[in-house]
């Protein structure tokens, strides 16, 4: 689902403390064989473990070990069928 990619982008940006280029992340995900529009939680986790470190390194961005673990935990817990707290608040 596209929501999984959106969540991944947001969490990566939070983890590194700066906005990660969304389109570049999208392209890297496509190159790695995943479809960002139909991304599953397992595919997002696999991307984080296998391809994200190189993607960030190429851009001179570092993701420390602790934020990397937090990122994996957040991606693993994300349920795209349920609204996030931010989405709930935006409806009010």
PDB file of N, CA and C in Angstrom:
ATOM      1  N   UNK A   1       0.834  -1.188   0.000  1.00  0.00           N
ATOM      2  CA  UNK A   1       0.000   0.000   0.000  1.00  0.00           C
ATOM      3  C   UNK A   1       0.878   1.250   0.000  1.00  0.00           C
ATOM      4  N   UNK A   2       0.373   2.250  -0.606  1.00  0.00           N
ATOM      5  CA  UNK A   2       1.086   3.530  -0.658  1.00  0.00           C
ATOM      6  C   UNK A   2       1.306   4.104   0.744  1.00  0.00           C
ATOM      7  N   UNK A   3       0.391   3.810   1.650  1.00  0.00           N
ATOM      8  CA  UNK A   3       0.524   4.305   3.024  1.00  0.00           C
ATOM      9  C   UNK A   3       1.769   3.744   3.698  1.00  0.00           C
ATOM     10  N   UNK A   4       2.155   2.534   3.363  1.00  0.00           N
ATOM     11  CA  UNK A   4       3.366   1.949   3.954  1.00  0.00           C
ATOM     12  C   UNK A   4       4.585   2.741   3.483  1.00  0.00           C
ATOM     13  N   UNK A   5       4.641   3.087   2.200  1.00  0.00           N
ATOM     14  CA  UNK A   5       5.757   3.888   1.706  1.00  0.00           C
ATOM     15  C   UNK A   5       5.752   5.268   2.361  1.00  0.00           C
ATOM     16  N   UNK A   6       4.587   5.887   2.461  1.00  0.00           N
ATOM     17  CA  UNK A   6       4.495   7.204   3.099  1.00  0.00           C
ATOM     18  C   UNK A   6       5.003   7.150   4.541  1.00  0.00           C
ATOM     19  N   UNK A   7       4.611   6.112   5.243  1.00  0.00           N
ATOM     20  CA  UNK A   7       5.054   5.942   6.628  1.00  0.00           C
ATOM     21  C   UNK A   7       6.563   5.692   6.701  1.00  0.00           C
ATOM     22  N   UNK A   8       7.062   4.870   5.808  1.00  0.00           N
ATOM     23  CA  UNK A   8       8.500   4.601   5.760  1.00  0.00           C
ATOM     24  C   UNK A   8       9.278   5.893   5.535  1.00  0.00           C
ATOM     25  N   UNK A   9       8.856   6.683   4.575  1.00  0.00           N
ATOM     26  CA  UNK A   9       9.532   7.954   4.279  1.00  0.00           C
ATOM     27  C   UNK A   9       9.534   8.858   5.507  1.00  0.00           C
ATOM     28  N   UNK A  10       8.395   8.977   6.165  1.00  0.00           N
ATOM     29  CA  UNK A  10       8.302   9.831   7.353  1.00  0.00           C
ATOM     30  C   UNK A  10       9.212   9.326   8.467  1.00  0.00           C
ATOM     31  N   UNK A  11       9.199   8.035   8.717  1.00  0.00           N
ATOM     32  CA  UNK A  11      10.008   7.474   9.806  1.00  0.00           C
ATOM     33  C   UNK A  11      11.504   7.564   9.519  1.00  0.00           C
ATOM     34  N   UNK A  12      11.899   7.365   8.272  1.00  0.00           N
ATOM     35  CA  UNK A  12      13.314   7.504   7.916  1.00  0.00           C
ATOM     36  C   UNK A  12      13.748   8.955   8.131  1.00  0.00           C
ATOM     37  N   UNK A  13      12.922   9.890   7.692  1.00  0.00           N
ATOM     38  CA  UNK A  13      13.248  11.311   7.857  1.00  0.00           C
ATOM     39  C   UNK A  13      13.373  11.681   9.333  1.00  0.00           C
ATOM     40  N   UNK A  14      12.479  11.186  10.142  1.00  0.00           N
ATOM     41  CA  UNK A  14      12.558  11.440  11.589  1.00  0.00           C
ATOM     42  C   UNK A  14      13.822  10.799  12.162  1.00  0.00           C
ATOM     43  N   UNK A  15      14.102   9.581  11.741  1.00  0.00           N
ATOM     44  CA  UNK A  15      15.263   8.858  12.264  1.00  0.00           C
ATOM     45  C   UNK A  15      16.589   9.542  11.981  1.00  0.00           C
ATOM     46  N   UNK A  16      16.706  10.162  10.813  1.00  0.00           N
ATOM     47  CA  UNK A  16      17.981  10.810  10.455  1.00  0.00           C
ATOM     48  C   UNK A  16      17.982  12.297  10.813  1.00  0.00           C
ATOM     49  N   UNK A  17      16.819  12.826  11.171  1.00  0.00           N
ATOM     50  CA  UNK A  17      16.748  14.216  11.589  1.00  0.00           C
ATOM     51  C   UNK A  17      16.720  15.225  10.457  1.00  0.00           C
ATOM     52  N   UNK A  18      16.393  14.762   9.263  1.00  0.00           N
ATOM     53  CA  UNK A  18      16.255  15.665   8.117  1.00  0.00           C
ATOM     54  C   UNK A  18      15.352  15.007   7.091  1.00  0.00           C
ATOM     55  N   UNK A  19      14.815  15.837   6.214  1.00  0.00           N
ATOM     56  CA  UNK A  19      13.910  15.318   5.193  1.00  0.00           C
ATOM     57  C   UNK A  19      14.702  14.546   4.143  1.00  0.00           C
ATOM     58  N   UNK A  20      14.381  13.290   4.003  1.00  0.00           N
ATOM     59  CA  UNK A  20      15.024  12.415   3.025  1.00  0.00           C
ATOM     60  C   UNK A  20      14.337  12.646   1.678  1.00  0.00           C
ATOM     61  N   UNK A  21      15.093  12.720   0.588  1.00  0.00           N
ATOM     62  CA  UNK A  21      14.465  12.948  -0.718  1.00  0.00           C
ATOM     63  C   UNK A  21      13.498  11.822  -1.083  1.00  0.00           C
ATOM     64  N   UNK A  22      12.239  12.161  -1.133  1.00  0.00           N
ATOM     65  CA  UNK A  22      11.167  11.185  -1.334  1.00  0.00           C
ATOM     66  C   UNK A  22      11.270  10.476  -2.690  1.00  0.00           C
ATOM     67  N   UNK A  23      11.461  11.241  -3.739  1.00  0.00           N
ATOM     68  CA  UNK A  23      11.511  10.639  -5.072  1.00  0.00           C
ATOM     69  C   UNK A  23      12.718   9.713  -5.211  1.00  0.00           C
ATOM     70  N   UNK A  24      13.842  10.120  -4.668  1.00  0.00           N
ATOM     71  CA  UNK A  24      15.038   9.270  -4.719  1.00  0.00           C
ATOM     72  C   UNK A  24      14.803   7.969  -3.948  1.00  0.00           C
ATOM     73  N   UNK A  25      14.136   8.063  -2.813  1.00  0.00           N
ATOM     74  CA  UNK A  25      13.806   6.865  -2.035  1.00  0.00           C
ATOM     75  C   UNK A  25      12.859   5.972  -2.834  1.00  0.00           C
ATOM     76  N   UNK A  26      11.898   6.592  -3.494  1.00  0.00           N
ATOM     77  CA  UNK A  26      10.945   5.869  -4.339  1.00  0.00           C
ATOM     78  C   UNK A  26      11.691   5.092  -5.439  1.00  0.00           C
ATOM     79  N   UNK A  27      12.593   5.797  -6.115  1.00  0.00           N
ATOM     80  CA  UNK A  27      13.352   5.156  -7.192  1.00  0.00           C
ATOM     81  C   UNK A  27      14.214   4.012  -6.680  1.00  0.00           C
ATOM     82  N   UNK A  28      14.878   4.211  -5.542  1.00  0.00           N
ATOM     83  CA  UNK A  28      15.719   3.144  -4.984  1.00  0.00           C
ATOM     84  C   UNK A  28      14.880   1.932  -4.625  1.00  0.00           C
ATOM     85  N   UNK A  29      13.694   2.192  -4.119  1.00  0.00           N
ATOM     86  CA  UNK A  29      12.822   1.082  -3.767  1.00  0.00           C
ATOM     87  C   UNK A  29      12.430   0.304  -5.024  1.00  0.00           C
ATOM     88  N   UNK A  30      12.129   1.012  -6.102  1.00  0.00           N
ATOM     89  CA  UNK A  30      11.796   0.349  -7.368  1.00  0.00           C
ATOM     90  C   UNK A  30      12.989  -0.457  -7.878  1.00  0.00           C
ATOM     91  N   UNK A  31      14.190   0.132  -7.780  1.00  0.00           N
ATOM     92  CA  UNK A  31      15.399  -0.566  -8.227  1.00  0.00           C
ATOM     93  C   UNK A  31      15.652  -1.838  -7.426  1.00  0.00           C
ATOM     94  N   UNK A  32      15.235  -1.823  -6.165  1.00  0.00           N
ATOM     95  CA  UNK A  32      15.463  -2.992  -5.316  1.00  0.00           C
ATOM     96  C   UNK A  32      14.423  -4.090  -5.553  1.00  0.00           C
ATOM     97  N   UNK A  33      13.454  -3.801  -6.433  1.00  0.00           N
ATOM     98  CA  UNK A  33      12.470  -4.814  -6.772  1.00  0.00           C
ATOM     99  C   UNK A  33      11.141  -4.680  -6.061  1.00  0.00           C
ATOM    100  N   UNK A  34      10.972  -3.660  -5.245  1.00  0.00           N
ATOM    101  CA  UNK A  34       9.711  -3.459  -4.532  1.00  0.00           C
ATOM    102  C   UNK A  34       8.878  -2.394  -5.253  1.00  0.00           C
ATOM    103  N   UNK A  35       7.593  -2.501  -5.131  1.00  0.00           N
ATOM    104  CA  UNK A  35       6.676  -1.517  -5.718  1.00  0.00           C
ATOM    105  C   UNK A  35       6.185  -0.605  -4.594  1.00  0.00           C
ATOM    106  N   UNK A  36       6.626   0.655  -4.561  1.00  0.00           N
ATOM    107  CA  UNK A  36       6.217   1.559  -3.479  1.00  0.00           C
ATOM    108  C   UNK A  36       4.700   1.741  -3.372  1.00  0.00           C
ATOM    109  N   UNK A  37       3.975   1.597  -4.474  1.00  0.00           N
ATOM    110  CA  UNK A  37       2.517   1.734  -4.427  1.00  0.00           C
ATOM    111  C   UNK A  37       1.842   0.544  -3.764  1.00  0.00           C
ATOM    112  N   UNK A  38       2.507  -0.585  -3.755  1.00  0.00           N
ATOM    113  CA  UNK A  38       1.916  -1.804  -3.193  1.00  0.00           C
ATOM    114  C   UNK A  38       2.824  -2.415  -2.126  1.00  0.00           C
ATOM    115  N   UNK A  39       3.553  -1.578  -1.464  1.00  0.00           N
ATOM    116  CA  UNK A  39       4.550  -2.024  -0.494  1.00  0.00           C
ATOM    117  C   UNK A  39       3.890  -2.686   0.716  1.00  0.00           C
ATOM    118  N   UNK A  40       4.410  -3.837   1.086  1.00  0.00           N
ATOM    119  CA  UNK A  40       3.936  -4.510   2.298  1.00  0.00           C
ATOM    120  C   UNK A  40       4.879  -4.179   3.450  1.00  0.00           C
ATOM    121  N   UNK A  41       4.437  -4.475   4.626  1.00  0.00           N
ATOM    122  CA  UNK A  41       5.255  -4.250   5.824  1.00  0.00           C
ATOM    123  C   UNK A  41       6.555  -5.055   5.745  1.00  0.00           C
ATOM    124  N   UNK A  42       6.471  -6.308   5.308  1.00  0.00           N
ATOM    125  CA  UNK A  42       7.669  -7.150   5.214  1.00  0.00           C
ATOM    126  C   UNK A  42       8.653  -6.616   4.174  1.00  0.00           C
ATOM    127  N   UNK A  43       8.140  -6.120   3.046  1.00  0.00           N
ATOM    128  CA  UNK A  43       9.017  -5.538   2.032  1.00  0.00           C
ATOM    129  C   UNK A  43       9.687  -4.268   2.552  1.00  0.00           C
ATOM    130  N   UNK A  44       8.945  -3.464   3.298  1.00  0.00           N
ATOM    131  CA  UNK A  44       9.511  -2.235   3.865  1.00  0.00           C
ATOM    132  C   UNK A  44      10.621  -2.571   4.856  1.00  0.00           C
ATOM    133  N   UNK A  45      10.391  -3.578   5.685  1.00  0.00           N
ATOM    134  CA  UNK A  45      11.424  -3.995   6.637  1.00  0.00           C
ATOM    135  C   UNK A  45      12.652  -4.534   5.914  1.00  0.00           C
ATOM    136  N   UNK A  46      12.442  -5.328   4.888  1.00  0.00           N
ATOM    137  CA  UNK A  46      13.566  -5.871   4.114  1.00  0.00           C
ATOM    138  C   UNK A  46      14.357  -4.739   3.465  1.00  0.00           C
ATOM    139  N   UNK A  47      13.667  -3.741   2.945  1.00  0.00           N
ATOM    140  CA  UNK A  47      14.348  -2.590   2.346  1.00  0.00           C
ATOM    141  C   UNK A  47      15.184  -1.861   3.395  1.00  0.00           C
ATOM    142  N   UNK A  48      14.625  -1.672   4.578  1.00  0.00           N
ATOM    143  CA  UNK A  48      15.357  -0.991   5.658  1.00  0.00           C
ATOM    144  C   UNK A  48      16.637  -1.736   6.006  1.00  0.00           C
ATOM    145  N   UNK A  49      16.576  -3.023   6.015  1.00  0.00           N
ATOM    146  CA  UNK A  49      17.737  -3.830   6.411  1.00  0.00           C
ATOM    147  C   UNK A  49      18.775  -3.965   5.301  1.00  0.00           C
ATOM    148  N   UNK A  50      18.326  -4.084   4.048  1.00  0.00           N
ATOM    149  CA  UNK A  50      19.249  -4.384   2.958  1.00  0.00           C
ATOM    150  C   UNK A  50      19.693  -3.179   2.141  1.00  0.00           C
ATOM    151  N   UNK A  51      18.795  -2.243   1.897  1.00  0.00           N
ATOM    152  CA  UNK A  51      19.088  -1.183   0.938  1.00  0.00           C
ATOM    153  C   UNK A  51      19.167   0.222   1.535  1.00  0.00           C
ATOM    154  N   UNK A  52      18.487   0.455   2.632  1.00  0.00           N
ATOM    155  CA  UNK A  52      18.454   1.798   3.200  1.00  0.00           C
ATOM    156  C   UNK A  52      19.826   2.308   3.631  1.00  0.00           C
ATOM    157  N   UNK A  53      20.656   1.506   4.286  1.00  0.00           N
ATOM    158  CA  UNK A  53      21.972   2.029   4.691  1.00  0.00           C
ATOM    159  C   UNK A  53      22.788   2.570   3.513  1.00  0.00           C
ATOM    160  N   UNK A  54      22.818   1.854   2.400  1.00  0.00           N
ATOM    161  CA  UNK A  54      23.567   2.319   1.226  1.00  0.00           C
ATOM    162  C   UNK A  54      22.927   3.572   0.637  1.00  0.00           C
ATOM    163  N   UNK A  55      21.603   3.608   0.589  1.00  0.00           N
ATOM    164  CA  UNK A  55      20.888   4.774   0.084  1.00  0.00           C
ATOM    165  C   UNK A  55      21.251   6.017   0.888  1.00  0.00           C
ATOM    166  N   UNK A  56      21.238   5.895   2.186  1.00  0.00           N
ATOM    167  CA  UNK A  56      21.567   7.043   3.044  1.00  0.00           C
ATOM    168  C   UNK A  56      23.038   7.414   2.928  1.00  0.00           C
ATOM    169  N   UNK A  57      23.905   6.408   2.883  1.00  0.00           N
ATOM    170  CA  UNK A  57      25.350   6.661   2.785  1.00  0.00           C
ATOM    171  C   UNK A  57      25.682   7.454   1.518  1.00  0.00           C
ATOM    172  N   UNK A  58      25.038   7.120   0.413  1.00  0.00           N
ATOM    173  CA  UNK A  58      25.277   7.834  -0.845  1.00  0.00           C
ATOM    174  C   UNK A  58      24.938   9.318  -0.739  1.00  0.00           C
ATOM    175  N   UNK A  59      24.054   9.657   0.174  1.00  0.00           N
ATOM    176  CA  UNK A  59      23.640  11.039   0.354  1.00  0.00           C
ATOM    177  C   UNK A  59      24.328  11.710   1.534  1.00  0.00           C
ATOM    178  N   UNK A  60      25.282  11.007   2.122  1.00  0.00           N
ATOM    179  CA  UNK A  60      26.017  11.573   3.249  1.00  0.00           C
ATOM    180  C   UNK A  60      25.186  11.676   4.511  1.00  0.00           C
ATOM    181  N   UNK A  61      24.196  10.807   4.637  1.00  0.00           N
ATOM    182  CA  UNK A  61      23.306  10.806   5.794  1.00  0.00           C
ATOM    183  C   UNK A  61      23.594   9.562   6.618  1.00  0.00           C
ATOM    184  N   UNK A  62      23.694   9.745   7.911  1.00  0.00           N
ATOM    185  CA  UNK A  62      23.957   8.618   8.802  1.00  0.00           C
ATOM    186  C   UNK A  62      22.718   8.307   9.637  1.00  0.00           C
ATOM    187  N   UNK A  63      22.469   7.040   9.833  1.00  0.00           N
ATOM    188  CA  UNK A  63      21.400   6.582  10.718  1.00  0.00           C
ATOM    189  C   UNK A  63      22.066   5.742  11.795  1.00  0.00           C
ATOM    190  N   UNK A  64      22.074   6.290  13.001  1.00  0.00           N
ATOM    191  CA  UNK A  64      22.711   5.600  14.125  1.00  0.00           C
ATOM    192  C   UNK A  64      21.977   4.293  14.439  1.00  0.00           C
ATOM    193  N   UNK A  65      22.629   3.452  15.186  1.00  0.00           N
ATOM    194  CA  UNK A  65      22.079   2.122  15.488  1.00  0.00           C
ATOM    195  C   UNK A  65      20.742   2.201  16.223  1.00  0.00           C
ATOM    196  N   UNK A  66      20.668   3.043  17.232  1.00  0.00           N
ATOM    197  CA  UNK A  66      19.431   3.132  18.020  1.00  0.00           C
ATOM    198  C   UNK A  66      18.252   3.638  17.174  1.00  0.00           C
ATOM    199  N   UNK A  67      18.409   4.747  16.422  1.00  0.00           N
ATOM    200  CA  UNK A  67      17.310   5.159  15.543  1.00  0.00           C
ATOM    201  C   UNK A  67      16.978   4.112  14.473  1.00  0.00           C
ATOM    202  N   UNK A  68      17.965   3.335  14.041  1.00  0.00           N
ATOM    203  CA  UNK A  68      17.699   2.277  13.056  1.00  0.00           C
ATOM    204  C   UNK A  68      16.805   1.195  13.660  1.00  0.00           C
ATOM    205  N   UNK A  69      17.062   0.841  14.908  1.00  0.00           N
ATOM    206  CA  UNK A  69      16.211  -0.148  15.589  1.00  0.00           C
ATOM    207  C   UNK A  69      14.802   0.406  15.783  1.00  0.00           C
ATOM    208  N   UNK A  70      14.726   1.693  16.145  1.00  0.00           N
ATOM    209  CA  UNK A  70      13.421   2.332  16.325  1.00  0.00           C
ATOM    210  C   UNK A  70      12.651   2.334  15.000  1.00  0.00           C
ATOM    211  N   UNK A  71      13.357   2.636  13.918  1.00  0.00           N
ATOM    212  CA  UNK A  71      12.740   2.651  12.591  1.00  0.00           C
ATOM    213  C   UNK A  71      12.153   1.288  12.259  1.00  0.00           C
ATOM    214  N   UNK A  72      12.922   0.245  12.453  1.00  0.00           N
ATOM    215  CA  UNK A  72      12.430  -1.105  12.167  1.00  0.00           C
ATOM    216  C   UNK A  72      11.234  -1.453  13.039  1.00  0.00           C
ATOM    217  N   UNK A  73      11.284  -1.056  14.299  1.00  0.00           N
ATOM    218  CA  UNK A  73      10.171  -1.333  15.201  1.00  0.00           C
ATOM    219  C   UNK A  73       8.900  -0.602  14.736  1.00  0.00           C
ATOM    220  N   UNK A  74       9.045   0.670  14.365  1.00  0.00           N
ATOM    221  CA  UNK A  74       7.892   1.447  13.907  1.00  0.00           C
ATOM    222  C   UNK A  74       7.314   0.910  12.603  1.00  0.00           C
ATOM    223  N   UNK A  75       8.172   0.536  11.678  1.00  0.00           N
ATOM    224  CA  UNK A  75       7.702  -0.030  10.408  1.00  0.00           C
ATOM    225  C   UNK A  75       7.020  -1.369  10.665  1.00  0.00           C
ATOM    226  N   UNK A  76       7.591  -2.179  11.541  1.00  0.00           N
ATOM    227  CA  UNK A  76       7.008  -3.481  11.860  1.00  0.00           C
ATOM    228  C   UNK A  76       5.658  -3.393  12.535  1.00  0.00           C
ATOM    229  N   UNK A  77       5.422  -2.326  13.268  1.00  0.00           N
ATOM    230  CA  UNK A  77       4.155  -2.165  13.988  1.00  0.00           C
ATOM    231  C   UNK A  77       3.075  -1.456  13.172  1.00  0.00           C
ATOM    232  N   UNK A  78       3.481  -0.819  12.090  1.00  0.00           N
ATOM    233  CA  UNK A  78       2.537  -0.002  11.340  1.00  0.00           C
ATOM    234  C   UNK A  78       1.459  -0.851  10.676  1.00  0.00           C
ATOM    235  N   UNK A  79       0.216  -0.463  10.891  1.00  0.00           N
ATOM    236  CA  UNK A  79      -0.925  -1.134  10.269  1.00  0.00           C
ATOM    237  C   UNK A  79      -1.582  -0.138   9.321  1.00  0.00           C
ATOM    238  N   UNK A  80      -1.419  -0.314   8.005  1.00  0.00           N
ATOM    239  CA  UNK A  80      -1.940   0.664   7.058  1.00  0.00           C
ATOM    240  C   UNK A  80      -3.468   0.730   7.002  1.00  0.00           C
ATOM    241  N   UNK A  81      -4.149  -0.221   7.616  1.00  0.00           N
ATOM    242  CA  UNK A  81      -5.614  -0.196   7.610  1.00  0.00           C
ATOM    243  C   UNK A  81      -6.175   0.689   8.717  1.00  0.00           C
ATOM    244  N   UNK A  82      -5.336   1.098   9.656  1.00  0.00           N
ATOM    245  CA  UNK A  82      -5.789   1.932  10.768  1.00  0.00           C
ATOM    246  C   UNK A  82      -5.212   3.333  10.636  1.00  0.00           C
ATOM    247  N   UNK A  83      -6.015   4.365  10.920  1.00  0.00           N
ATOM    248  CA  UNK A  83      -5.502   5.736  10.834  1.00  0.00           C
ATOM    249  C   UNK A  83      -4.465   6.007  11.924  1.00  0.00           C
ATOM    250  N   UNK A  84      -3.474   6.808  11.569  1.00  0.00           N
ATOM    251  CA  UNK A  84      -2.463   7.205  12.544  1.00  0.00           C
ATOM    252  C   UNK A  84      -3.054   8.262  13.479  1.00  0.00           C
ATOM    253  N   UNK A  85      -2.435   8.511  14.621  1.00  0.00           N
ATOM    254  CA  UNK A  85      -2.925   9.587  15.494  1.00  0.00           C
ATOM    255  C   UNK A  85      -2.990  10.930  14.768  1.00  0.00           C
ATOM    256  N   UNK A  86      -2.017  11.200  13.907  1.00  0.00           N
ATOM    257  CA  UNK A  86      -2.023  12.450  13.148  1.00  0.00           C
ATOM    258  C   UNK A  86      -3.240  12.525  12.224  1.00  0.00           C
ATOM    259  N   UNK A  87      -3.558  11.408  11.570  1.00  0.00           N
ATOM    260  CA  UNK A  87      -4.715  11.382  10.672  1.00  0.00           C
ATOM    261  C   UNK A  87      -6.021  11.565  11.437  1.00  0.00           C
ATOM    262  N   UNK A  88      -6.097  10.968  12.616  1.00  0.00           N
ATOM    263  CA  UNK A  88      -7.298  11.143  13.448  1.00  0.00           C
ATOM    264  C   UNK A  88      -7.454  12.592  13.861  1.00  0.00           C
ATOM    265  N   UNK A  89      -6.366  13.213  14.281  1.00  0.00           N
ATOM    266  CA  UNK A  89      -6.407  14.612  14.719  1.00  0.00           C
ATOM    267  C   UNK A  89      -6.752  15.545  13.571  1.00  0.00           C
ATOM    268  N   UNK A  90      -6.313  15.212  12.365  1.00  0.00           N
ATOM    269  CA  UNK A  90      -6.580  16.068  11.203  1.00  0.00           C
ATOM    270  C   UNK A  90      -8.071  16.065  10.851  1.00  0.00           C
ATOM    271  N   UNK A  91      -8.791  15.037  11.222  1.00  0.00           N
ATOM    272  CA  UNK A  91     -10.227  14.962  10.932  1.00  0.00           C
ATOM    273  C   UNK A  91     -11.058  15.827  11.860  1.00  0.00           C
ATOM    274  N   UNK A  92     -10.496  16.193  12.983  1.00  0.00           N
ATOM    275  CA  UNK A  92     -11.254  16.967  13.977  1.00  0.00           C
ATOM    276  C   UNK A  92     -11.378  18.403  13.574  1.00  0.00           C
TER     277      UNK A  92
END
